[in-house]
PDB file of N, CA and C in Angstrom:
ATOM      1  N   MET A   1       0.298   0.745 -11.872  1.00  0.00           N
ATOM      2  CA  MET A   1      -0.550  -0.192 -11.186  1.00  0.00           C
ATOM      3  C   MET A   1      -1.948  -0.148 -11.807  1.00  0.00           C
ATOM      4  N   ASN A   2      -2.507  -1.303 -12.072  1.00  0.00           N
ATOM      5  CA  ASN A   2      -3.821  -1.386 -12.680  1.00  0.00           C
ATOM      6  C   ASN A   2      -4.914  -1.242 -11.638  1.00  0.00           C
ATOM      7  N   LYS A   3      -6.143  -1.059 -12.115  1.00  0.00           N
ATOM      8  CA  LYS A   3      -7.282  -1.038 -11.165  1.00  0.00           C
ATOM      9  C   LYS A   3      -7.292  -2.319 -10.360  1.00  0.00           C
ATOM     10  N   GLN A   4      -7.490  -2.188  -9.066  1.00  0.00           N
ATOM     11  CA  GLN A   4      -7.510  -3.364  -8.212  1.00  0.00           C
ATOM     12  C   GLN A   4      -8.715  -3.349  -7.339  1.00  0.00           C
ATOM     13  N   ASP A   5      -9.111  -4.532  -6.931  1.00  0.00           N
ATOM     14  CA  ASP A   5     -10.261  -4.706  -6.044  1.00  0.00           C
ATOM     15  C   ASP A   5      -9.767  -4.645  -4.599  1.00  0.00           C
ATOM     16  N   ILE A   6     -10.513  -3.984  -3.739  1.00  0.00           N
ATOM     17  CA  ILE A   6     -10.151  -3.866  -2.334  1.00  0.00           C
ATOM     18  C   ILE A   6     -10.043  -5.246  -1.685  1.00  0.00           C
ATOM     19  N   ASN A   7     -10.666  -6.281  -2.257  1.00  0.00           N
ATOM     20  CA  ASN A   7     -10.602  -7.622  -1.697  1.00  0.00           C
ATOM     21  C   ASN A   7      -9.301  -8.340  -2.004  1.00  0.00           C
ATOM     22  N   GLN A   8      -8.495  -7.774  -2.906  1.00  0.00           N
ATOM     23  CA  GLN A   8      -7.191  -8.372  -3.182  1.00  0.00           C
ATOM     24  C   GLN A   8      -6.374  -8.288  -1.913  1.00  0.00           C
ATOM     25  N   ARG A   9      -5.765  -9.341  -1.488  1.00  0.00           N
ATOM     26  CA  ARG A   9      -5.076  -9.396  -0.222  1.00  0.00           C
ATOM     27  C   ARG A   9      -3.575  -9.202  -0.302  1.00  0.00           C
ATOM     28  N   TYR A  10      -2.992  -9.064  -1.504  1.00  0.00           N
ATOM     29  CA  TYR A  10      -1.557  -8.891  -1.646  1.00  0.00           C
ATOM     30  C   TYR A  10      -1.300  -7.899  -2.780  1.00  0.00           C
ATOM     31  N   ILE A  11      -0.601  -6.832  -2.473  1.00  0.00           N
ATOM     32  CA  ILE A  11      -0.305  -5.809  -3.496  1.00  0.00           C
ATOM     33  C   ILE A  11       1.160  -5.418  -3.385  1.00  0.00           C
ATOM     34  N   GLU A  12       1.866  -5.476  -4.536  1.00  0.00           N
ATOM     35  CA  GLU A  12       3.238  -5.035  -4.575  1.00  0.00           C
ATOM     36  C   GLU A  12       3.240  -3.541  -4.902  1.00  0.00           C
ATOM     37  N   VAL A  13       4.064  -2.806  -4.151  1.00  0.00           N
ATOM     38  CA  VAL A  13       4.158  -1.351  -4.348  1.00  0.00           C
ATOM     39  C   VAL A  13       5.585  -0.980  -4.619  1.00  0.00           C
ATOM     40  N   THR A  14       5.771   0.172  -5.272  1.00  0.00           N
ATOM     41  CA  THR A  14       7.086   0.689  -5.594  1.00  0.00           C
ATOM     42  C   THR A  14       7.237   2.092  -4.994  1.00  0.00           C
ATOM     43  N   ALA A  15       8.374   2.694  -5.195  1.00  0.00           N
ATOM     44  CA  ALA A  15       8.656   4.021  -4.634  1.00  0.00           C
ATOM     45  C   ALA A  15       7.616   5.053  -5.101  1.00  0.00           C
ATOM     46  N   LYS A  16       7.061   4.888  -6.302  1.00  0.00           N
ATOM     47  CA  LYS A  16       6.077   5.894  -6.784  1.00  0.00           C
ATOM     48  C   LYS A  16       4.759   5.806  -6.010  1.00  0.00           C
ATOM     49  N   ASP A  17       4.520   4.724  -5.268  1.00  0.00           N
ATOM     50  CA  ASP A  17       3.291   4.573  -4.480  1.00  0.00           C
ATOM     51  C   ASP A  17       3.440   5.169  -3.084  1.00  0.00           C
ATOM     52  N   LEU A  18       4.632   5.628  -2.711  1.00  0.00           N
ATOM     53  CA  LEU A  18       4.879   6.184  -1.393  1.00  0.00           C
ATOM     54  C   LEU A  18       4.556   7.658  -1.335  1.00  0.00           C
ATOM     55  N   PRO A  19       4.086   8.205  -0.265  1.00  0.00           N
ATOM     56  CA  PRO A  19       3.680   7.519   0.943  1.00  0.00           C
ATOM     57  C   PRO A  19       2.457   6.633   0.664  1.00  0.00           C
ATOM     58  N   LEU A  20       2.417   5.508   1.325  1.00  0.00           N
ATOM     59  CA  LEU A  20       1.398   4.497   1.056  1.00  0.00           C
ATOM     60  C   LEU A  20       0.201   4.663   1.972  1.00  0.00           C
ATOM     61  N   ALA A  21      -0.978   4.633   1.381  1.00  0.00           N
ATOM     62  CA  ALA A  21      -2.225   4.687   2.153  1.00  0.00           C
ATOM     63  C   ALA A  21      -3.169   3.613   1.603  1.00  0.00           C
ATOM     64  N   CYS A  22      -3.986   3.080   2.482  1.00  0.00           N
ATOM     65  CA  CYS A  22      -5.005   2.108   2.082  1.00  0.00           C
ATOM     66  C   CYS A  22      -6.366   2.662   2.467  1.00  0.00           C
ATOM     67  N   PRO A  23      -7.342   2.557   1.593  1.00  0.00           N
ATOM     68  CA  PRO A  23      -7.255   2.025   0.257  1.00  0.00           C
ATOM     69  C   PRO A  23      -6.515   2.974  -0.680  1.00  0.00           C
ATOM     70  N   MET A  24      -5.876   2.382  -1.697  1.00  0.00           N
ATOM     71  CA  MET A  24      -5.144   3.179  -2.680  1.00  0.00           C
ATOM     72  C   MET A  24      -6.129   3.833  -3.611  1.00  0.00           C
ATOM     73  N   PRO A  25      -5.761   4.969  -4.197  1.00  0.00           N
ATOM     74  CA  PRO A  25      -6.707   5.684  -5.071  1.00  0.00           C
ATOM     75  C   PRO A  25      -7.196   4.910  -6.242  1.00  0.00           C
ATOM     76  N   ASN A  26      -6.432   3.949  -6.741  1.00  0.00           N
ATOM     77  CA  ASN A  26      -6.857   3.193  -7.937  1.00  0.00           C
ATOM     78  C   ASN A  26      -7.628   1.907  -7.608  1.00  0.00           C
ATOM     79  N   MET A  27      -8.030   1.741  -6.358  1.00  0.00           N
ATOM     80  CA  MET A  27      -8.838   0.569  -5.996  1.00  0.00           C
ATOM     81  C   MET A  27     -10.292   0.834  -6.367  1.00  0.00           C
ATOM     82  N   ASN A  28     -10.967  -0.216  -6.819  1.00  0.00           N
ATOM     83  CA  ASN A  28     -12.349  -0.092  -7.278  1.00  0.00           C
ATOM     84  C   ASN A  28     -13.279   0.451  -6.184  1.00  0.00           C
ATOM     85  N   VAL A  29     -13.078   0.027  -4.973  1.00  0.00           N
ATOM     86  CA  VAL A  29     -13.937   0.464  -3.851  1.00  0.00           C
ATOM     87  C   VAL A  29     -13.057   1.311  -2.948  1.00  0.00           C
ATOM     88  N   TRP A  30     -12.699   2.495  -3.430  1.00  0.00           N
ATOM     89  CA  TRP A  30     -11.728   3.337  -2.690  1.00  0.00           C
ATOM     90  C   TRP A  30     -12.263   3.837  -1.366  1.00  0.00           C
ATOM     91  N   ASN A  31     -13.567   3.805  -1.177  1.00  0.00           N
ATOM     92  CA  ASN A  31     -14.135   4.278   0.083  1.00  0.00           C
ATOM     93  C   ASN A  31     -14.642   3.142   0.966  1.00  0.00           C
ATOM     94  N   ALA A  32     -14.022   1.972   0.882  1.00  0.00           N
ATOM     95  CA  ALA A  32     -14.472   0.799   1.642  1.00  0.00           C
ATOM     96  C   ALA A  32     -14.203   0.946   3.123  1.00  0.00           C
ATOM     97  N   HIS A  33     -13.183   1.700   3.503  1.00  0.00           N
ATOM     98  CA  HIS A  33     -12.874   1.957   4.911  1.00  0.00           C
ATOM     99  C   HIS A  33     -12.120   3.278   4.986  1.00  0.00           C
ATOM    100  N   PRO A  34     -11.955   3.830   6.180  1.00  0.00           N
ATOM    101  CA  PRO A  34     -11.246   5.105   6.274  1.00  0.00           C
ATOM    102  C   PRO A  34      -9.806   4.978   5.737  1.00  0.00           C
ATOM    103  N   LYS A  35      -9.341   6.050   5.180  1.00  0.00           N
ATOM    104  CA  LYS A  35      -7.973   6.072   4.657  1.00  0.00           C
ATOM    105  C   LYS A  35      -7.011   6.003   5.823  1.00  0.00           C
ATOM    106  N   VAL A  36      -6.023   5.086   5.725  1.00  0.00           N
ATOM    107  CA  VAL A  36      -5.051   4.901   6.765  1.00  0.00           C
ATOM    108  C   VAL A  36      -3.668   4.821   6.126  1.00  0.00           C
ATOM    109  N   MET A  37      -2.679   5.480   6.734  1.00  0.00           N
ATOM    110  CA  MET A  37      -1.333   5.442   6.229  1.00  0.00           C
ATOM    111  C   MET A  37      -0.717   4.120   6.627  1.00  0.00           C
ATOM    112  N   ILE A  38       0.043   3.518   5.695  1.00  0.00           N
ATOM    113  CA  ILE A  38       0.646   2.211   5.919  1.00  0.00           C
ATOM    114  C   ILE A  38       2.179   2.365   5.943  1.00  0.00           C
ATOM    115  N   PRO A  39       2.814   2.243   7.106  1.00  0.00           N
ATOM    116  CA  PRO A  39       4.281   2.320   7.152  1.00  0.00           C
ATOM    117  C   PRO A  39       4.880   0.980   6.730  1.00  0.00           C
ATOM    118  N   LEU A  40       5.885   1.036   5.881  1.00  0.00           N
ATOM    119  CA  LEU A  40       6.548  -0.192   5.439  1.00  0.00           C
ATOM    120  C   LEU A  40       7.887  -0.364   6.145  1.00  0.00           C
ATOM    121  N   ASP A  41       7.862  -0.361   7.475  1.00  0.00           N
ATOM    122  CA  ASP A  41       9.079  -0.413   8.251  1.00  0.00           C
ATOM    123  C   ASP A  41       9.623  -1.803   8.502  1.00  0.00           C
ATOM    124  N   HIS A  42       8.811  -2.815   8.435  1.00  0.00           N
ATOM    125  CA  HIS A  42       9.207  -4.168   8.823  1.00  0.00           C
ATOM    126  C   HIS A  42       9.591  -4.994   7.587  1.00  0.00           C
ATOM    127  N   GLY A  43      10.788  -4.745   7.085  1.00  0.00           N
ATOM    128  CA  GLY A  43      11.254  -5.503   5.931  1.00  0.00           C
ATOM    129  C   GLY A  43      10.509  -5.192   4.667  1.00  0.00           C
ATOM    130  N   GLY A  44       9.892  -4.033   4.585  1.00  0.00           N
ATOM    131  CA  GLY A  44       9.178  -3.611   3.382  1.00  0.00           C
ATOM    132  C   GLY A  44       7.814  -4.243   3.237  1.00  0.00           C
ATOM    133  N   GLU A  45       7.252  -4.765   4.304  1.00  0.00           N
ATOM    134  CA  GLU A  45       5.913  -5.347   4.272  1.00  0.00           C
ATOM    135  C   GLU A  45       5.067  -4.785   5.410  1.00  0.00           C
ATOM    136  N   ALA A  46       3.766  -4.634   5.138  1.00  0.00           N
ATOM    137  CA  ALA A  46       2.841  -4.209   6.186  1.00  0.00           C
ATOM    138  C   ALA A  46       1.420  -4.586   5.768  1.00  0.00           C
ATOM    139  N   ARG A  47       0.557  -4.755   6.750  1.00  0.00           N
ATOM    140  CA  ARG A  47      -0.852  -5.066   6.503  1.00  0.00           C
ATOM    141  C   ARG A  47      -1.722  -3.883   6.906  1.00  0.00           C
ATOM    142  N   CYS A  48      -2.800  -3.712   6.158  1.00  0.00           N
ATOM    143  CA  CYS A  48      -3.794  -2.691   6.493  1.00  0.00           C
ATOM    144  C   CYS A  48      -4.549  -3.197   7.730  1.00  0.00           C
ATOM    145  N   PRO A  49      -4.681  -2.365   8.771  1.00  0.00           N
ATOM    146  CA  PRO A  49      -5.407  -2.803   9.962  1.00  0.00           C
ATOM    147  C   PRO A  49      -6.905  -2.956   9.749  1.00  0.00           C
ATOM    148  N   TYR A  50      -7.449  -2.396   8.669  1.00  0.00           N
ATOM    149  CA  TYR A  50      -8.889  -2.490   8.403  1.00  0.00           C
ATOM    150  C   TYR A  50      -9.243  -3.699   7.547  1.00  0.00           C
ATOM    151  N   CYS A  51      -8.583  -3.836   6.392  1.00  0.00           N
ATOM    152  CA  CYS A  51      -8.992  -4.900   5.446  1.00  0.00           C
ATOM    153  C   CYS A  51      -8.024  -6.057   5.372  1.00  0.00           C
ATOM    154  N   GLY A  52      -6.843  -5.911   5.998  1.00  0.00           N
ATOM    155  CA  GLY A  52      -5.890  -7.014   6.020  1.00  0.00           C
ATOM    156  C   GLY A  52      -5.048  -7.149   4.764  1.00  0.00           C
ATOM    157  N   THR A  53      -5.192  -6.242   3.800  1.00  0.00           N
ATOM    158  CA  THR A  53      -4.373  -6.320   2.592  1.00  0.00           C
ATOM    159  C   THR A  53      -2.904  -6.242   2.943  1.00  0.00           C
ATOM    160  N   LEU A  54      -2.091  -7.132   2.380  1.00  0.00           N
ATOM    161  CA  LEU A  54      -0.664  -7.133   2.599  1.00  0.00           C
ATOM    162  C   LEU A  54      -0.025  -6.300   1.497  1.00  0.00           C
ATOM    163  N   TYR A  55       0.758  -5.312   1.876  1.00  0.00           N
ATOM    164  CA  TYR A  55       1.519  -4.507   0.946  1.00  0.00           C
ATOM    165  C   TYR A  55       2.967  -4.884   1.066  1.00  0.00           C
ATOM    166  N   LYS A  56       3.601  -5.115  -0.089  1.00  0.00           N
ATOM    167  CA  LYS A  56       5.016  -5.497  -0.099  1.00  0.00           C
ATOM    168  C   LYS A  56       5.767  -4.582  -1.062  1.00  0.00           C
ATOM    169  N   PHE A  57       6.822  -3.946  -0.562  1.00  0.00           N
ATOM    170  CA  PHE A  57       7.618  -3.064  -1.368  1.00  0.00           C
ATOM    171  C   PHE A  57       8.537  -3.861  -2.276  1.00  0.00           C
ATOM    172  N   THR A  58       8.572  -3.490  -3.561  1.00  0.00           N
ATOM    173  CA  THR A  58       9.467  -4.110  -4.519  1.00  0.00           C
ATOM    174  C   THR A  58      10.259  -3.028  -5.220  1.00  0.00           C
ATOM    175  N   GLY A  59      11.403  -3.390  -5.745  1.00  0.00           N
ATOM    176  CA  GLY A  59      12.222  -2.433  -6.488  1.00  0.00           C
ATOM    177  C   GLY A  59      13.216  -1.744  -5.604  1.00  0.00           C
ATOM    178  N   GLU A  60      13.764  -0.671  -6.159  1.00  0.00           N
ATOM    179  CA  GLU A  60      14.804   0.090  -5.459  1.00  0.00           C
ATOM    180  C   GLU A  60      14.201   0.983  -4.360  1.00  0.00           C
ATOM    181  N   LEU A  61      14.799   0.920  -3.206  1.00  0.00           N
ATOM    182  CA  LEU A  61      14.345   1.776  -2.104  1.00  0.00           C
ATOM    183  C   LEU A  61      14.641   3.235  -2.403  1.00  0.00           C
ATOM    184  N   PRO A  62      13.749   4.143  -2.041  1.00  0.00           N
ATOM    185  CA  PRO A  62      14.013   5.566  -2.242  1.00  0.00           C
ATOM    186  C   PRO A  62      15.145   6.016  -1.325  1.00  0.00           C
ATOM    187  N   LYS A  63      15.901   6.994  -1.792  1.00  0.00           N
ATOM    188  CA  LYS A  63      17.018   7.530  -0.999  1.00  0.00           C
ATOM    189  C   LYS A  63      16.446   8.459   0.065  1.00  0.00           C
ATOM    190  N   ALA A  64      16.920   8.314   1.293  1.00  0.00           N
ATOM    191  CA  ALA A  64      16.453   9.151   2.391  1.00  0.00           C
ATOM    192  C   ALA A  64      17.160  10.498   2.366  1.00  0.00           C
ATOM    193  N   HIS A  65      16.483  11.524   2.816  1.00  0.00           N
ATOM    194  CA  HIS A  65      17.057  12.856   2.945  1.00  0.00           C
ATOM    195  C   HIS A  65      17.603  13.026   4.323  1.00  0.00           C
ATOM    196  N   HIS A  66      18.764  13.676   4.437  1.00  0.00           N
ATOM    197  CA  HIS A  66      19.355  13.912   5.748  1.00  0.00           C
ATOM    198  C   HIS A  66      19.247  15.354   6.128  1.00  0.00           C
TER     199      HIS A  66
END
């Protein structure tokens, strides 16, 4: 993932980005709001409650441990 601006409103994430938190470490303004964990439970999409960025999971889902 390349450097991204916190104002970007749509970000595709993959298994390597999990667990997902916003803002992500590679965002230009990484301290724009408190770090919050983003669960991708609803069809692989979720919005940050602070900045509204939409995160969408792409690629192969990670295998769950039992």
